[in-house]
Protein backbone atom coordinates (compact mmCIF):
# COMPACT_ATOMS: atom_id res chain seq x y z
CA MET A 1 98.82 -1.48 -21.04
CA LYS A 2 95.68 -0.14 -22.72
CA THR A 3 92.82 -2.64 -22.51
CA THR A 4 89.80 -3.15 -24.74
CA PHE A 5 87.69 -5.26 -22.41
CA SER A 6 88.34 -3.22 -19.24
CA ASN A 7 84.72 -3.63 -18.13
CA ILE A 8 84.99 -7.43 -18.18
CA ASN A 9 86.84 -9.34 -15.47
CA ASN A 10 88.61 -12.65 -15.98
CA ILE A 11 85.89 -15.26 -16.45
CA ALA A 12 85.65 -17.32 -13.27
CA TYR A 13 83.95 -20.58 -12.33
CA GLU A 14 80.91 -19.87 -10.13
CA GLY A 15 79.08 -23.19 -10.33
CA PRO A 16 75.70 -24.38 -11.68
CA LYS A 17 73.62 -22.12 -9.42
CA SER A 18 75.22 -18.91 -10.66
CA LYS A 19 73.06 -16.54 -12.70
CA ASN A 20 76.07 -14.56 -13.92
CA GLN A 21 76.27 -14.90 -17.71
CA LEU A 22 79.93 -13.88 -17.59
CA ALA A 23 80.91 -16.84 -15.43
CA PHE A 24 81.37 -20.56 -15.98
CA LYS A 25 78.67 -22.80 -14.57
CA HIS A 26 80.38 -26.11 -15.40
CA TYR A 27 83.90 -25.48 -16.72
CA ASN A 28 86.15 -25.59 -13.69
CA ALA A 29 89.60 -25.75 -15.26
CA ASP A 30 91.31 -27.38 -12.28
CA GLU A 31 88.56 -29.91 -11.48
CA ILE A 32 89.74 -33.50 -11.83
CA VAL A 33 87.64 -35.67 -14.15
CA ALA A 34 88.72 -39.21 -15.02
CA GLY A 35 92.25 -38.62 -13.75
CA LYS A 36 93.00 -35.26 -15.40
CA THR A 37 91.94 -31.68 -15.01
CA MET A 38 89.28 -30.28 -17.32
CA ARG A 39 91.93 -27.98 -18.74
CA GLU A 40 94.09 -30.98 -19.69
CA HIS A 41 91.18 -32.95 -21.14
CA LEU A 42 89.59 -30.21 -23.23
CA ARG A 43 92.53 -28.04 -24.31
CA PHE A 44 90.24 -25.23 -25.48
CA ALA A 45 91.37 -23.01 -28.35
CA VAL A 46 89.96 -19.75 -29.73
CA VAL A 47 90.11 -19.23 -33.49
CA TYR A 48 91.56 -16.04 -34.88
CA TRP A 49 89.47 -15.99 -38.07
CA HIS A 50 85.84 -15.96 -36.90
CA THR A 51 86.50 -14.34 -33.55
CA PHE A 52 88.76 -11.48 -34.57
CA ARG A 53 88.31 -11.21 -38.35
CA GLY A 54 84.64 -12.06 -38.80
CA THR A 55 82.52 -9.12 -39.96
CA GLY A 56 79.04 -10.63 -39.92
CA SER A 57 78.57 -10.10 -43.65
CA ASP A 58 76.58 -12.57 -45.70
CA PRO A 59 75.52 -12.79 -49.37
CA PHE A 60 72.59 -10.50 -48.64
CA GLY A 61 74.13 -7.83 -46.44
CA ALA A 62 77.20 -5.99 -45.24
CA GLY A 63 79.02 -6.67 -41.99
CA THR A 64 77.37 -5.87 -38.69
CA MET A 65 80.07 -6.57 -36.13
CA GLN A 66 81.11 -3.79 -33.76
CA ARG A 67 84.85 -4.14 -33.38
CA PRO A 68 86.10 -0.79 -32.01
CA TRP A 69 89.70 -1.99 -31.87
CA ASP A 70 89.85 -2.56 -35.64
CA ASP A 71 90.19 0.48 -37.93
CA GLY A 72 89.30 -1.59 -40.99
CA SER A 73 92.64 -1.10 -42.69
CA ASN A 74 95.15 -3.67 -43.90
CA SER A 75 97.99 -1.87 -42.15
CA ILE A 76 100.58 -3.72 -40.09
CA SER A 77 99.86 -1.49 -37.08
CA ASN A 78 96.18 -2.47 -37.19
CA ALA A 79 97.09 -6.15 -37.45
CA GLN A 80 99.47 -5.84 -34.50
CA ASN A 81 96.87 -4.02 -32.41
CA ARG A 82 94.31 -6.70 -33.29
CA ALA A 83 96.74 -9.34 -32.02
CA ARG A 84 97.06 -7.60 -28.65
CA VAL A 85 93.28 -7.37 -28.35
CA ALA A 86 92.97 -11.05 -29.25
CA PHE A 87 95.27 -12.08 -26.43
CA GLU A 88 93.44 -9.88 -23.95
CA PHE A 89 90.22 -11.67 -24.90
CA ILE A 90 91.72 -15.17 -24.85
CA SER A 91 93.47 -14.68 -21.52
CA LYS A 92 90.36 -13.20 -19.86
CA LEU A 93 88.35 -16.13 -21.17
CA GLY A 94 90.89 -18.53 -19.71
CA ALA A 95 91.40 -20.57 -22.88
CA PRO A 96 94.90 -22.06 -22.99
CA TYR A 97 95.25 -22.07 -26.79
CA TYR A 98 94.46 -20.25 -30.02
CA CYS A 99 94.62 -21.10 -33.75
CA TRP A 100 95.11 -19.04 -36.91
CA HIS A 101 95.27 -18.95 -40.68
CA ASP A 102 98.30 -17.03 -41.94
CA ARG A 103 96.12 -14.42 -43.67
CA ASP A 104 94.04 -13.88 -40.51
CA VAL A 105 96.94 -12.46 -38.59
CA ALA A 106 98.75 -10.48 -41.31
CA PRO A 107 97.73 -8.89 -44.62
CA GLU A 108 99.07 -9.86 -48.02
CA GLY A 109 101.59 -7.50 -49.57
CA LYS A 110 102.19 -6.61 -53.20
CA ASN A 111 104.34 -9.73 -53.64
CA LEU A 112 105.42 -12.83 -51.74
CA LYS A 113 108.45 -11.14 -50.18
CA GLU A 114 106.40 -8.28 -48.75
CA THR A 115 103.70 -10.69 -47.58
CA ASN A 116 106.28 -12.71 -45.65
CA GLN A 117 107.64 -9.52 -44.09
CA ASN A 118 104.14 -8.57 -42.99
CA PHE A 119 103.69 -11.99 -41.44
CA ASP A 120 106.99 -11.70 -39.55
CA ALA A 121 106.04 -8.28 -38.21
CA VAL A 122 102.79 -9.56 -36.71
CA ALA A 123 104.28 -12.89 -35.61
CA LYS A 124 106.70 -10.90 -33.47
CA VAL A 125 103.74 -9.46 -31.56
CA LEU A 126 102.08 -12.89 -31.34
CA LYS A 127 105.24 -14.26 -29.75
CA GLU A 128 105.40 -11.37 -27.28
CA GLU A 129 101.74 -11.86 -26.34
CA GLN A 130 102.13 -15.61 -25.94
CA LYS A 131 104.99 -14.98 -23.52
CA ARG A 132 103.03 -12.29 -21.65
CA THR A 133 99.81 -14.29 -21.25
CA GLY A 134 100.91 -17.93 -21.34
CA VAL A 135 98.42 -18.64 -24.14
CA LYS A 136 99.88 -21.16 -26.61
CA LEU A 137 99.37 -21.93 -30.28
CA LEU A 138 97.42 -25.16 -30.76
CA TRP A 139 97.98 -25.16 -34.51
CA GLY A 140 98.54 -22.90 -37.47
CA THR A 141 97.18 -23.27 -40.99
CA THR A 142 97.21 -21.58 -44.38
CA ASN A 143 94.48 -19.72 -46.20
CA ALA A 144 95.08 -20.96 -49.73
CA PHE A 145 91.51 -20.48 -50.87
CA SER A 146 90.39 -16.84 -50.52
CA HIS A 147 92.72 -15.07 -52.97
CA PRO A 148 91.67 -15.11 -56.68
CA ARG A 149 94.92 -16.92 -57.56
CA PHE A 150 93.35 -20.01 -55.97
CA VAL A 151 90.29 -19.95 -58.22
CA HIS A 152 91.13 -23.49 -59.43
CA GLY A 153 92.57 -24.71 -56.15
CA ALA A 154 96.02 -24.56 -54.60
CA SER A 155 97.99 -27.81 -54.69
CA THR A 156 95.37 -29.22 -57.09
CA SER A 157 95.36 -26.21 -59.41
CA CYS A 158 95.72 -26.74 -63.17
CA ASN A 159 98.37 -23.96 -62.98
CA ALA A 160 101.79 -25.15 -61.77
CA ASP A 161 102.72 -21.61 -60.68
CA VAL A 162 99.81 -21.63 -58.25
CA PHE A 163 101.05 -24.93 -56.80
CA ALA A 164 104.46 -23.30 -56.32
CA PHE A 165 102.97 -20.19 -54.69
CA ALA A 166 100.88 -22.32 -52.31
CA ALA A 167 103.99 -24.29 -51.39
CA CYS A 168 105.79 -21.06 -50.50
CA GLN A 169 102.84 -19.97 -48.40
CA VAL A 170 102.65 -23.26 -46.49
CA LYS A 171 106.42 -23.25 -46.02
CA LYS A 172 106.28 -19.85 -44.37
CA ALA A 173 103.24 -20.67 -42.24
CA MET A 174 104.89 -23.87 -41.01
CA GLU A 175 108.01 -21.95 -40.09
CA VAL A 176 106.05 -19.33 -38.16
CA THR A 177 104.06 -22.08 -36.42
CA HIS A 178 107.35 -23.69 -35.43
CA GLU A 179 108.76 -20.37 -34.22
CA LEU A 180 105.66 -19.80 -32.06
CA GLY A 181 105.85 -23.25 -30.50
CA GLY A 182 102.71 -24.51 -32.24
CA GLU A 183 101.68 -28.04 -31.29
CA GLY A 184 100.37 -28.88 -34.75
CA TYR A 185 99.67 -27.74 -38.28
CA THR A 186 96.41 -28.26 -40.17
CA PHE A 187 95.75 -28.71 -43.88
CA TRP A 188 92.26 -27.82 -45.04
CA GLY A 189 91.86 -27.90 -48.80
CA GLY A 190 89.35 -25.10 -49.20
CA ARG A 191 89.36 -25.38 -52.98
CA GLU A 192 91.10 -28.73 -53.41
CA GLY A 193 88.27 -30.29 -55.38
CA TYR A 194 86.15 -29.57 -58.41
CA MET A 195 83.00 -27.83 -59.62
CA THR A 196 82.63 -30.03 -62.72
CA LEU A 197 84.38 -33.17 -63.90
CA LEU A 198 84.16 -31.95 -67.48
CA ASN A 199 87.33 -29.87 -66.98
CA THR A 200 88.98 -31.95 -64.25
CA ASP A 201 91.71 -34.60 -64.33
CA MET A 202 90.90 -35.98 -60.88
CA LYS A 203 93.68 -38.57 -60.85
CA ARG A 204 96.32 -35.97 -61.66
CA GLU A 205 94.97 -33.46 -59.15
CA GLN A 206 95.01 -35.99 -56.32
CA GLU A 207 98.53 -37.05 -57.22
CA HIS A 208 99.58 -33.37 -57.08
CA LEU A 209 97.92 -33.00 -53.66
CA ALA A 210 99.88 -36.03 -52.43
CA LYS A 211 103.15 -34.58 -53.80
CA PHE A 212 102.40 -31.33 -52.01
CA LEU A 213 101.85 -33.07 -48.68
CA HIS A 214 105.03 -35.12 -49.09
CA LEU A 215 106.91 -31.87 -49.68
CA ALA A 216 105.40 -30.52 -46.46
CA VAL A 217 106.51 -33.64 -44.56
CA ALA A 218 110.03 -33.21 -45.90
CA HIS A 219 110.14 -29.55 -44.89
CA LYS A 220 108.81 -30.38 -41.46
CA LYS A 221 111.79 -32.67 -40.94
CA ALA A 222 114.18 -30.10 -42.40
CA ILE A 223 113.20 -27.38 -39.93
CA GLY A 224 112.89 -29.73 -36.95
CA PHE A 225 109.19 -29.10 -36.40
CA LYS A 226 107.82 -31.78 -34.04
CA GLY A 227 104.16 -30.77 -34.15
CA GLN A 228 101.40 -33.03 -35.43
CA PHE A 229 100.11 -32.66 -38.99
CA TYR A 230 96.32 -32.74 -39.45
CA ILE A 231 93.96 -33.05 -42.40
CA GLU A 232 90.50 -31.53 -41.90
CA PRO A 233 87.69 -33.27 -43.80
CA LYS A 234 84.88 -31.35 -45.52
CA PRO A 235 82.67 -32.61 -48.37
CA LYS A 236 81.68 -29.45 -50.22
CA GLU A 237 81.44 -25.66 -50.05
CA PRO A 238 83.13 -23.84 -51.61
CA THR A 239 83.68 -26.58 -54.21
CA LYS A 240 81.00 -29.01 -55.35
CA HIS A 241 83.20 -31.88 -54.17
CA GLN A 242 86.35 -31.67 -52.09
CA TYR A 243 88.94 -34.42 -52.07
CA ASP A 244 89.01 -34.34 -48.25
CA SER A 245 85.27 -35.04 -48.21
CA ASP A 246 85.00 -37.02 -44.97
CA ALA A 247 87.14 -38.99 -42.54
CA ALA A 248 86.98 -42.21 -44.56
CA ALA A 249 87.96 -40.44 -47.80
CA CYS A 250 90.88 -38.73 -46.06
CA LEU A 251 92.11 -42.00 -44.60
CA ASN A 252 91.85 -43.74 -47.96
CA PHE A 253 93.83 -40.93 -49.60
CA LEU A 254 96.50 -40.96 -46.89
CA ARG A 255 96.90 -44.74 -47.14
CA GLU A 256 96.98 -44.73 -50.95
CA PHE A 257 99.80 -42.20 -51.05
CA ASP A 258 101.77 -43.49 -48.03
CA LEU A 259 101.02 -40.43 -45.91
CA LEU A 260 99.09 -41.95 -43.01
CA PRO A 261 102.14 -42.22 -40.69
CA HIS A 262 102.52 -38.43 -40.88
CA PHE A 263 98.92 -37.25 -40.43
CA LYS A 264 95.95 -37.41 -38.09
CA LEU A 265 92.52 -35.88 -38.64
CA ASN A 266 91.01 -32.67 -37.34
CA ILE A 267 87.27 -33.42 -37.26
CA GLU A 268 84.67 -30.65 -37.40
CA THR A 269 81.03 -31.11 -36.41
CA ASN A 270 79.52 -28.93 -39.13
CA HIS A 271 81.65 -30.63 -41.77
CA ALA A 272 80.43 -34.02 -40.55
CA THR A 273 76.86 -32.79 -40.94
CA LEU A 274 77.50 -31.59 -44.50
CA ALA A 275 78.96 -35.02 -45.30
CA GLY A 276 75.74 -36.67 -44.13
CA HIS A 277 77.32 -38.02 -40.96
CA THR A 278 77.16 -37.34 -37.24
CA MET A 279 80.17 -35.99 -35.40
CA GLN A 280 80.33 -39.25 -33.46
CA HIS A 281 80.51 -41.23 -36.71
CA GLU A 282 83.47 -39.19 -37.98
CA LEU A 283 85.25 -39.46 -34.63
CA GLU A 284 84.78 -43.23 -34.60
CA VAL A 285 86.10 -43.59 -38.16
CA ALA A 286 89.19 -41.55 -37.27
CA GLY A 287 89.66 -43.17 -33.87
CA ALA A 288 89.44 -46.73 -35.21
CA ALA A 289 92.34 -45.89 -37.55
CA ASN A 290 94.39 -44.33 -34.72
CA ALA A 291 94.06 -41.04 -36.59
CA LEU A 292 91.91 -38.93 -34.25
CA GLY A 293 93.98 -35.85 -33.55
CA SER A 294 91.87 -32.77 -32.82
CA ILE A 295 88.38 -31.35 -33.25
CA ASP A 296 86.80 -28.14 -34.45
CA ALA A 297 83.96 -27.56 -32.01
CA ASN A 298 80.85 -26.09 -33.56
CA THR A 299 77.48 -27.18 -34.88
CA GLY A 300 75.38 -26.63 -37.96
CA ASP A 301 71.71 -25.85 -38.36
CA GLU A 302 70.19 -29.08 -39.67
CA LEU A 303 67.59 -27.09 -41.61
CA LEU A 304 70.31 -25.29 -43.58
CA GLY A 305 72.61 -26.93 -46.09
CA TRP A 306 75.75 -24.92 -45.55
CA ASP A 307 78.51 -24.31 -43.03
CA THR A 308 76.85 -22.13 -40.39
CA ASP A 309 79.62 -22.66 -37.80
CA GLN A 310 77.42 -22.05 -34.76
CA PHE A 311 78.71 -22.42 -31.22
CA PRO A 312 77.99 -25.85 -29.72
CA THR A 313 75.31 -25.78 -27.01
CA SER A 314 73.78 -29.27 -27.29
CA ILE A 315 74.72 -31.43 -24.32
CA TYR A 316 73.94 -34.55 -26.35
CA LEU A 317 76.44 -33.44 -29.00
CA THR A 318 79.19 -32.72 -26.51
CA THR A 319 78.50 -35.94 -24.57
CA TYR A 320 78.70 -38.15 -27.65
CA THR A 321 81.79 -36.27 -28.80
CA MET A 322 83.59 -36.74 -25.50
CA LEU A 323 82.55 -40.40 -25.28
CA SER A 324 84.49 -41.03 -28.48
CA VAL A 325 87.40 -38.77 -27.54
CA LEU A 326 87.83 -40.51 -24.17
CA LYS A 327 87.39 -43.93 -25.79
CA TYR A 328 90.42 -43.29 -27.99
CA GLY A 329 92.65 -41.95 -25.25
CA GLY A 330 91.91 -38.24 -25.31
CA PHE A 331 93.78 -35.41 -26.98
CA LYS A 332 97.57 -35.54 -27.18
CA THR A 333 98.51 -32.55 -29.35
CA GLY A 334 95.02 -31.49 -30.44
CA GLY A 335 92.13 -30.03 -28.51
CA VAL A 336 88.66 -28.50 -28.62
CA ASN A 337 89.03 -25.64 -31.08
CA PHE A 338 86.05 -23.28 -31.34
CA ASP A 339 85.82 -22.90 -35.11
CA ALA A 340 82.56 -21.05 -34.52
CA LYS A 341 81.21 -17.58 -35.06
CA VAL A 342 78.64 -15.48 -33.27
CA ARG A 343 75.47 -14.87 -35.25
CA ARG A 344 75.25 -11.84 -37.51
CA GLU A 345 72.66 -10.44 -35.12
CA SER A 346 75.00 -10.87 -32.12
CA PHE A 347 77.24 -8.00 -33.06
CA GLU A 348 78.47 -6.48 -29.79
CA PRO A 349 81.95 -7.42 -28.50
CA ILE A 350 80.51 -8.88 -25.29
CA ASP A 351 78.69 -11.52 -27.38
CA LEU A 352 82.08 -13.10 -28.06
CA PHE A 353 82.34 -13.86 -24.34
CA TYR A 354 78.80 -15.21 -24.05
CA ALA A 355 79.36 -17.53 -27.01
CA HIS A 356 82.66 -18.98 -25.84
CA ILE A 357 81.51 -19.36 -22.24
CA GLY A 358 78.48 -21.31 -23.44
CA GLY A 359 80.56 -23.57 -25.63
CA MET A 360 83.11 -24.22 -22.91
CA ASP A 361 80.39 -25.01 -20.38
CA ALA A 362 78.67 -27.34 -22.84
CA PHE A 363 81.87 -29.28 -23.38
CA ALA A 364 82.61 -29.36 -19.67
CA ARG A 365 79.20 -30.95 -19.10
CA GLY A 366 79.78 -33.36 -21.98
CA LEU A 367 83.13 -34.37 -20.49
CA LYS A 368 81.68 -34.98 -17.03
CA ILE A 369 78.72 -36.93 -18.40
CA ALA A 370 80.88 -39.03 -20.72
CA ALA A 371 83.28 -39.81 -17.87
CA ALA A 372 80.36 -40.83 -15.65
CA ILE A 373 78.92 -43.10 -18.35
CA ARG A 374 82.28 -44.78 -18.81
CA LYS A 375 82.72 -45.20 -15.05
CA ASP A 376 79.20 -46.66 -14.73
CA GLY A 377 80.19 -49.32 -17.26
CA ARG A 378 76.75 -50.45 -18.41
CA LEU A 379 77.09 -49.05 -21.93
CA ALA A 380 80.50 -50.65 -22.45
CA GLU A 381 79.29 -53.93 -20.94
CA PHE A 382 76.29 -53.99 -23.27
CA VAL A 383 78.49 -53.53 -26.34
CA LYS A 384 80.94 -56.15 -25.08
CA ASN A 385 78.17 -58.69 -24.53
CA ARG A 386 76.63 -57.93 -27.93
CA TYR A 387 79.82 -59.21 -29.58
CA ALA A 388 80.41 -62.09 -27.16
CA SER A 389 80.15 -64.72 -29.93
CA TRP A 390 83.41 -63.33 -31.36
CA ASP A 391 85.35 -63.82 -28.11
CA SER A 392 85.50 -67.63 -28.26
CA GLY A 393 84.70 -70.57 -30.48
CA ILE A 394 84.17 -69.97 -34.18
CA GLY A 395 84.16 -66.18 -33.80
CA ALA A 396 87.61 -66.14 -32.23
CA LYS A 397 88.91 -68.46 -34.96
CA ILE A 398 87.57 -66.17 -37.69
CA GLU A 399 89.15 -63.08 -36.13
CA ALA A 400 92.46 -64.92 -35.73
CA GLY A 401 92.45 -65.82 -39.42
CA LYS A 402 92.24 -69.54 -38.69
CA SER A 403 89.05 -70.35 -40.62
CA SER A 404 88.52 -70.91 -44.34
CA PHE A 405 85.21 -70.93 -46.21
CA ASN A 406 85.44 -74.74 -46.14
CA ASP A 407 85.86 -74.70 -42.34
CA LEU A 408 82.86 -72.41 -41.96
CA GLU A 409 80.76 -74.61 -44.23
CA THR A 410 81.65 -77.69 -42.16
CA TYR A 411 80.78 -75.76 -38.98
CA MET A 412 77.37 -74.62 -40.23
CA LEU A 413 76.43 -77.98 -41.82
CA LYS A 414 76.99 -79.57 -38.42
CA LYS A 415 75.17 -76.80 -36.53
CA GLY A 416 72.35 -76.51 -39.04
CA GLU A 417 71.36 -72.88 -38.39
CA ALA A 418 72.85 -69.71 -37.00
CA ALA A 419 72.15 -69.03 -33.35
CA GLY A 420 69.51 -66.39 -32.67
CA SER A 421 70.73 -62.82 -32.26
CA SER A 422 69.93 -60.66 -29.24
CA SER A 423 68.04 -57.37 -29.40
CA GLY A 424 69.99 -54.23 -30.19
CA ARG A 425 67.97 -52.39 -27.51
CA GLN A 426 68.48 -48.92 -28.99
CA GLU A 427 65.70 -47.40 -26.89
CA TYR A 428 67.12 -48.94 -23.71
CA LEU A 429 70.54 -47.45 -24.48
CA GLU A 430 69.11 -44.03 -25.29
CA ASN A 431 67.28 -44.14 -21.97
CA LEU A 432 70.54 -45.07 -20.26
CA ILE A 433 72.26 -42.00 -21.74
CA ASN A 434 69.34 -39.86 -20.56
CA GLU A 435 69.92 -41.03 -16.98
CA PHE A 436 73.18 -39.06 -17.01
CA ILE A 437 71.97 -36.02 -18.93
């Protein structure tokens, strides 16, 4: 078989003292951490869109990426060749999973029928490559935002024909995901929102979005797809406001329209930043609702107000992320999906390896540190003690629903004043985290 990365060996674990930039310093896939291997904990996935379709273009300049395997055409043969290159990269990297949008892997045709045929032709190669390499599909998703037909949204479009077209597109992508053994399917409403409320019936649009998702649930059952459905929150860009704006908004929407039993959340770091939250905040919101499913691993530049999708290298970020992931039982069907792109200035193919190796090592360190913090127990004990007044007495009665306002008034009239609170000790806790980092 012809190879593209013939000058690069399979990426191996060489340990923290290695100076080899094409080796893992911390990600040792078979190392046991907190009862499972790193591979099982982290479930790394490579994205098809940024990694194999990104050009490096921006609003001020053309693409810069050197991708010698891509002839720049929309031909099926080019798409199939790209798929083979993708699996060579993923398998040499040692990532067990990948993710795609439908339009990443296969070009649109002149009509829906031809587009579906194109998708089938490339999906055949994807299936062959999955079998050859053992790399699996973490989840599939649909690009219902790039084409001009989606100018006003997809399921929330003011045009019913666009809703119908998007439904056909999701139907096909779900079926291909199922055929490829995908472990989930993600919905990201790239244009499911508005630019101005002056031309928007928000109530009607959200009701249409809910109808669309119920149709997807019904089709999932019809085809026997057992994978997990995810919603991915993002507050803005490309719209001014998106209906999936953050984890809390998504959960409220899912509860309002009786969809929560069918969905979990796919949380992305850069989207959390754009929503004015930390990644840890979004993970805690999702986890508390038993809706934490998967994560898109990246980071944003805090000095820039848009989705920069940089590779995660902050050990604090990965530690806090894994503290929450471990707290809520770890990944079941989801994983750590690198929805990240190399910088426009990092245009050589080898930079794809450097970027993913760095992200995987950063998460390996975050996993080990988070596991050590949990094993140490001091952080958990501090939080437990901080809420000790709720574990007995009046606190326990309130939580059990056994106290009325009258009961609480009687209690406080007798006591006279609330007991003094203890210090939150934020600096102490930050120092504690630093002990492990």
